[in-house]
Amino acid sequence: MKALWEEFNQLGTEMIVTKAGRRMFPTFQVKILGMDTLADYALLMDFVPLDDKRYRYAFHSSAWLVAGKADPATPGRVHFHPDSPAKGAQWMRQIVSFDKLKLTNNLLDDNGHIILNSMHRYQPRFHVVFVDPRKDSERYAQENFKSFVFTETQFTAVTAYQNHRTISSLDPNKAPAFTSRTPARLHHQLLAPPEALLAPAIYRPLNYQGLYRGASSRLRIPRARPTPYPIPNIQDDRGQGVPLPAGLGLLPSTALCPGAGQDPQ
């Protein structure tokens, strides 16, 4: 639900992290088009810092201020959608929701949750991986995935909402009246014109080869695994979709991937 993400983004999105793990609100959702219906794909997400700073909220000015250098980096993890791998036909049949993904600030977490530092800013990234059936699929690892960034999903990780006058009015747990008007927006997905699409070449390669070899659909994929990731060169994406390149397995160059957001359960 792009409209809800944009509402939060205008106010300065804050995402709750807890020791036990907390689901995202808004939830990250995508609608994928243009996959090969018979090919297998895995969908996953990771989170990268937006900068090397730590923040604090100034209540007197209702603004986020830089408080110093970032804390030591948390263990890098990725979250595989639990239905991965699946046929392209299944992924395209409906909106894909990452509603099982949880965020934590527990550095010792052993539940596979995404570990983040509180009072730091992050950018979620979405990755589509083609499950290459070839025996030498490792040679094509850099061709068999594509990463996407939706800048309206940037957020500050917090243990409690700081901007109470705005964020709490959008959280359905604190404002039931707002919840009643979210379903109407859930499937409101519009594709951006070509000139508004994010350039496909702005990302540094995902260190994917040692993470997921895509050998066959029989490969059992965990929901979260540790892996090192570079901070991407993020450009502003004002559109609602980005093109999947022809180099991504069997996805045509005209394929689009719009996104994001739904209420947690």
Protein backbone atom coordinates (compact mmCIF):
# COMPACT_ATOMS: atom_id res chain seq x y z
CA MET A 1 0.00 0.00 0.00
CA LYS A 2 2.11 2.78 -1.37
CA ALA A 3 -0.21 5.57 -0.20
CA LEU A 4 0.13 4.56 3.46
CA TRP A 5 3.91 4.28 3.19
CA GLU A 6 4.01 7.75 1.68
CA GLU A 7 1.89 9.15 4.53
CA PHE A 8 4.32 7.74 7.06
CA ASN A 9 7.30 8.90 5.02
CA GLN A 10 6.08 12.49 4.98
CA LEU A 11 5.91 12.42 8.77
CA GLY A 12 9.18 10.54 9.24
CA THR A 13 8.52 6.81 9.50
CA GLU A 14 9.42 5.16 12.79
CA MET A 15 9.59 1.38 13.01
CA ILE A 16 9.31 -0.34 16.38
CA VAL A 17 12.00 -2.88 17.28
CA THR A 18 11.76 -5.08 20.39
CA LYS A 19 13.88 -7.76 22.02
CA ALA A 20 11.32 -10.43 21.16
CA GLY A 21 10.81 -9.13 17.61
CA ARG A 22 8.11 -6.87 16.17
CA ARG A 23 6.35 -7.06 12.82
CA MET A 24 6.67 -4.08 10.52
CA PHE A 25 3.91 -1.52 10.18
CA PRO A 26 3.27 -0.76 7.45
CA THR A 27 4.03 -4.25 6.18
CA PHE A 28 6.20 -4.49 3.08
CA GLN A 29 4.19 -5.78 0.11
CA VAL A 30 4.93 -6.12 -3.58
CA LYS A 31 3.01 -6.98 -6.72
CA ILE A 32 5.23 -8.74 -9.26
CA LEU A 33 4.55 -8.88 -13.00
CA GLY A 34 6.34 -10.47 -15.94
CA MET A 35 7.79 -13.63 -14.38
CA ASP A 36 8.01 -16.88 -16.30
CA THR A 37 5.03 -18.81 -14.96
CA LEU A 38 6.88 -22.16 -14.90
CA ALA A 39 10.22 -20.95 -13.51
CA ASP A 40 11.13 -20.98 -9.82
CA TYR A 41 11.98 -17.80 -7.92
CA ALA A 42 12.92 -16.92 -4.36
CA LEU A 43 11.97 -13.57 -2.80
CA LEU A 44 13.93 -12.04 0.05
CA MET A 45 14.57 -8.80 1.90
CA ASP A 46 17.43 -7.19 3.74
CA PHE A 47 17.94 -3.85 5.49
CA VAL A 48 20.91 -1.52 5.03
CA PRO A 49 21.86 1.62 6.99
CA LEU A 50 21.06 4.90 5.28
CA ASP A 51 24.13 6.56 6.77
CA ASP A 52 26.78 6.24 9.49
CA LYS A 53 24.93 8.32 12.11
CA ARG A 54 22.90 7.80 15.25
CA TYR A 55 19.87 10.04 15.86
CA ARG A 56 17.81 11.49 18.68
CA TYR A 57 14.39 13.09 18.62
CA ALA A 58 14.12 16.70 19.80
CA PHE A 59 10.64 17.03 21.28
CA HIS A 60 10.81 20.82 21.56
CA SER A 61 11.29 21.15 17.81
CA SER A 62 9.57 17.90 16.74
CA ALA A 63 12.57 16.94 14.62
CA TRP A 64 15.20 14.24 14.36
CA LEU A 65 18.76 15.42 15.02
CA VAL A 66 22.13 13.75 14.56
CA ALA A 67 23.35 12.50 17.94
CA GLY A 68 26.71 11.10 16.90
CA LYS A 69 28.35 8.31 14.98
CA ALA A 70 26.49 5.09 14.35
CA ASP A 71 26.78 2.22 16.80
CA PRO A 72 28.74 -0.85 15.65
CA ALA A 73 26.97 -2.57 12.78
CA THR A 74 24.47 -5.28 13.67
CA PRO A 75 24.84 -8.80 12.23
CA GLY A 76 23.72 -8.67 8.60
CA ARG A 77 20.75 -10.90 7.86
CA VAL A 78 18.30 -11.56 5.08
CA HIS A 79 14.70 -12.70 5.33
CA PHE A 80 13.43 -15.20 2.77
CA HIS A 81 9.72 -15.16 2.09
CA PRO A 82 8.50 -18.44 3.63
CA ASP A 83 6.94 -19.54 0.31
CA SER A 84 10.34 -19.45 -1.43
CA PRO A 85 11.08 -20.98 -3.83
CA ALA A 86 7.85 -20.93 -5.82
CA LYS A 87 6.73 -20.78 -9.43
CA GLY A 88 6.39 -17.42 -11.11
CA ALA A 89 2.68 -18.13 -11.56
CA GLN A 90 2.24 -18.35 -7.78
CA TRP A 91 4.14 -15.14 -7.05
CA MET A 92 2.17 -13.18 -9.66
CA ARG A 93 -1.21 -14.53 -8.59
CA GLN A 94 -1.58 -12.07 -5.72
CA ILE A 95 0.18 -9.37 -3.72
CA VAL A 96 3.19 -10.81 -1.90
CA SER A 97 3.31 -9.78 1.75
CA PHE A 98 6.31 -10.01 4.07
CA ASP A 99 4.04 -10.06 7.10
CA LYS A 100 6.11 -12.71 8.90
CA LEU A 101 9.23 -10.55 8.97
CA LYS A 102 10.13 -9.25 12.43
CA LEU A 103 12.58 -6.59 13.59
CA THR A 104 14.60 -6.86 16.80
CA ASN A 105 17.31 -4.96 18.65
CA ASN A 106 18.54 -8.13 20.36
CA LEU A 107 22.10 -8.73 19.15
CA LEU A 108 21.90 -12.31 20.45
CA ASP A 109 18.66 -13.12 18.63
CA ASP A 110 18.49 -16.75 17.54
CA ASN A 111 15.02 -16.62 15.99
CA GLY A 112 16.12 -15.40 12.58
CA HIS A 113 14.70 -11.89 13.05
CA ILE A 114 16.29 -8.89 11.35
CA ILE A 115 18.61 -7.19 13.87
CA LEU A 116 18.69 -3.37 13.83
CA ASN A 117 20.14 -0.64 16.01
CA SER A 118 17.57 1.61 17.65
CA MET A 119 17.77 5.31 16.72
CA HIS A 120 19.42 4.51 13.39
CA ARG A 121 17.96 4.95 9.90
CA TYR A 122 17.48 2.08 7.47
CA GLN A 123 16.45 1.32 3.91
CA PRO A 124 14.66 -1.99 3.19
CA ARG A 125 15.75 -3.74 0.00
CA PHE A 126 13.75 -6.32 -1.95
CA HIS A 127 15.45 -9.03 -4.00
CA VAL A 128 14.10 -11.40 -6.66
CA VAL A 129 16.22 -14.51 -7.27
CA PHE A 130 15.76 -16.81 -10.26
CA VAL A 131 16.31 -20.45 -9.27
CA ASP A 132 18.68 -21.48 -12.02
CA PRO A 133 18.31 -25.20 -12.86
CA ARG A 134 21.72 -25.42 -14.55
CA LYS A 135 24.40 -27.46 -12.80
CA ASP A 136 26.89 -24.61 -13.13
CA SER A 137 24.43 -22.02 -11.82
CA GLU A 138 27.14 -20.50 -9.61
CA ARG A 139 28.70 -19.01 -12.73
CA TYR A 140 25.52 -17.04 -13.36
CA ALA A 141 24.82 -15.95 -9.77
CA GLN A 142 25.21 -12.24 -10.56
CA GLU A 143 22.74 -12.54 -13.44
CA ASN A 144 20.04 -14.44 -11.60
CA PHE A 145 18.87 -11.81 -9.13
CA LYS A 146 17.67 -8.22 -9.08
CA SER A 147 17.43 -5.78 -6.18
CA PHE A 148 14.83 -3.04 -5.68
CA VAL A 149 14.65 -0.03 -3.40
CA PHE A 150 11.47 1.92 -2.64
CA THR A 151 12.65 5.06 -0.89
CA GLU A 152 9.27 5.73 0.70
CA THR A 153 9.96 2.70 2.94
CA GLN A 154 12.95 4.31 4.71
CA PHE A 155 12.53 4.48 8.48
CA THR A 156 14.15 5.17 11.84
CA ALA A 157 14.28 2.17 14.18
CA VAL A 158 12.92 2.98 17.65
CA THR A 159 11.89 1.09 20.77
CA ALA A 160 8.94 3.45 21.26
CA TYR A 161 7.37 6.05 18.98
CA GLN A 162 9.05 9.43 19.39
CA ASN A 163 6.81 11.61 17.24
CA HIS A 164 3.59 10.88 19.14
CA ARG A 165 1.49 13.62 17.55
CA THR A 166 1.86 12.18 14.07
CA ILE A 167 3.02 8.58 14.05
CA SER A 168 0.62 7.42 16.77
CA SER A 169 -2.27 8.82 14.76
CA LEU A 170 -1.37 6.46 11.89
CA ASP A 171 -0.65 3.32 13.89
CA PRO A 172 -3.85 1.19 13.83
CA ASN A 173 -3.10 -0.09 17.34
CA LYS A 174 -3.50 3.48 18.60
CA ALA A 175 -6.11 4.75 16.16
CA PRO A 176 -8.85 2.20 15.30
CA ALA A 177 -10.61 4.73 13.11
CA PHE A 178 -7.59 4.82 10.83
CA THR A 179 -7.58 1.05 10.47
CA SER A 180 -11.04 1.12 8.97
CA ARG A 181 -9.87 3.20 6.04
CA THR A 182 -6.76 1.20 5.15
CA PRO A 183 -8.32 -1.81 3.34
CA ALA A 184 -9.70 0.37 0.57
CA ARG A 185 -6.15 1.36 -0.31
CA LEU A 186 -4.67 -2.11 -0.07
CA HIS A 187 -4.88 -2.99 -3.76
CA HIS A 188 -4.44 0.55 -5.06
CA GLN A 189 -1.42 -0.15 -7.25
CA LEU A 190 -0.51 2.11 -10.18
CA LEU A 191 2.49 1.61 -12.42
CA ALA A 192 4.68 4.65 -12.97
CA PRO A 193 5.49 5.95 -16.46
CA PRO A 194 8.85 4.76 -17.86
CA GLU A 195 10.62 8.05 -17.15
CA ALA A 196 9.75 7.74 -13.45
CA LEU A 197 11.22 4.25 -13.06
CA LEU A 198 14.37 3.63 -11.07
CA ALA A 199 17.45 3.05 -13.21
CA PRO A 200 18.35 -0.66 -13.01
CA ALA A 201 22.13 -0.10 -12.82
CA ILE A 202 22.44 1.92 -9.59
CA TYR A 203 22.94 -1.04 -7.25
CA ARG A 204 26.19 -2.63 -6.29
CA PRO A 205 26.06 -6.42 -6.65
CA LEU A 206 24.41 -8.33 -3.83
CA ASN A 207 26.90 -10.77 -2.29
CA TYR A 208 24.64 -13.60 -3.29
CA GLN A 209 26.79 -16.41 -4.57
CA GLY A 210 27.72 -17.80 -1.17
CA LEU A 211 24.22 -17.23 0.20
CA TYR A 212 21.93 -19.00 -2.22
CA ARG A 213 23.14 -21.02 -5.20
CA GLY A 214 19.70 -21.57 -6.75
CA ALA A 215 20.50 -25.15 -7.72
CA SER A 216 16.95 -26.49 -7.79
CA SER A 217 13.49 -26.07 -6.32
CA ARG A 218 14.33 -28.87 -3.87
CA LEU A 219 16.74 -26.58 -2.05
CA ARG A 220 15.38 -25.82 1.42
CA ILE A 221 15.64 -22.08 2.02
CA PRO A 222 15.70 -20.71 5.58
CA ARG A 223 13.76 -17.58 6.44
CA ALA A 224 16.86 -15.71 7.59
CA ARG A 225 20.60 -16.15 7.16
CA PRO A 226 23.62 -14.00 8.01
CA THR A 227 25.48 -12.40 5.13
CA PRO A 228 27.62 -9.29 4.52
CA TYR A 229 26.09 -6.59 2.32
CA PRO A 230 27.51 -3.36 0.93
CA ILE A 231 25.62 -0.12 1.49
CA PRO A 232 23.91 0.58 -1.84
CA ASN A 233 24.00 3.76 -3.89
CA ILE A 234 20.40 4.74 -3.26
CA GLN A 235 18.67 7.11 -5.65
CA ASP A 236 15.30 8.68 -5.08
CA ASP A 237 12.47 6.61 -6.56
CA ARG A 238 9.33 8.65 -7.02
CA GLY A 239 7.63 6.00 -9.14
CA GLN A 240 5.72 2.92 -8.04
CA GLY A 241 7.57 0.37 -10.13
CA VAL A 242 11.01 -0.52 -11.33
CA PRO A 243 11.99 -2.60 -14.37
CA LEU A 244 13.37 -6.09 -14.00
CA PRO A 245 16.32 -6.43 -16.42
CA ALA A 246 16.48 -9.07 -19.12
CA GLY A 247 19.53 -10.54 -17.40
CA LEU A 248 17.43 -11.78 -14.49
CA GLY A 249 16.90 -15.38 -15.48
CA LEU A 250 13.72 -15.68 -17.49
CA LEU A 251 12.20 -12.32 -16.57
CA PRO A 252 11.59 -10.10 -19.62
CA SER A 253 12.96 -6.57 -19.64
CA THR A 254 9.42 -5.17 -19.54
CA ALA A 255 8.59 -6.82 -16.23
CA LEU A 256 7.65 -4.49 -13.38
CA CYS A 257 7.62 -4.78 -9.63
CA PRO A 258 5.40 -2.28 -7.78
CA GLY A 259 5.24 -2.11 -3.95
CA ALA A 260 4.41 -1.81 -0.70
CA GLY A 261 2.53 -2.16 2.72
CA GLN A 262 -0.27 -3.75 4.78
CA ASP A 263 -1.39 -3.91 8.39
CA PRO A 264 0.27 -6.51 10.64
CA GLN A 265 -1.77 -9.25 12.26
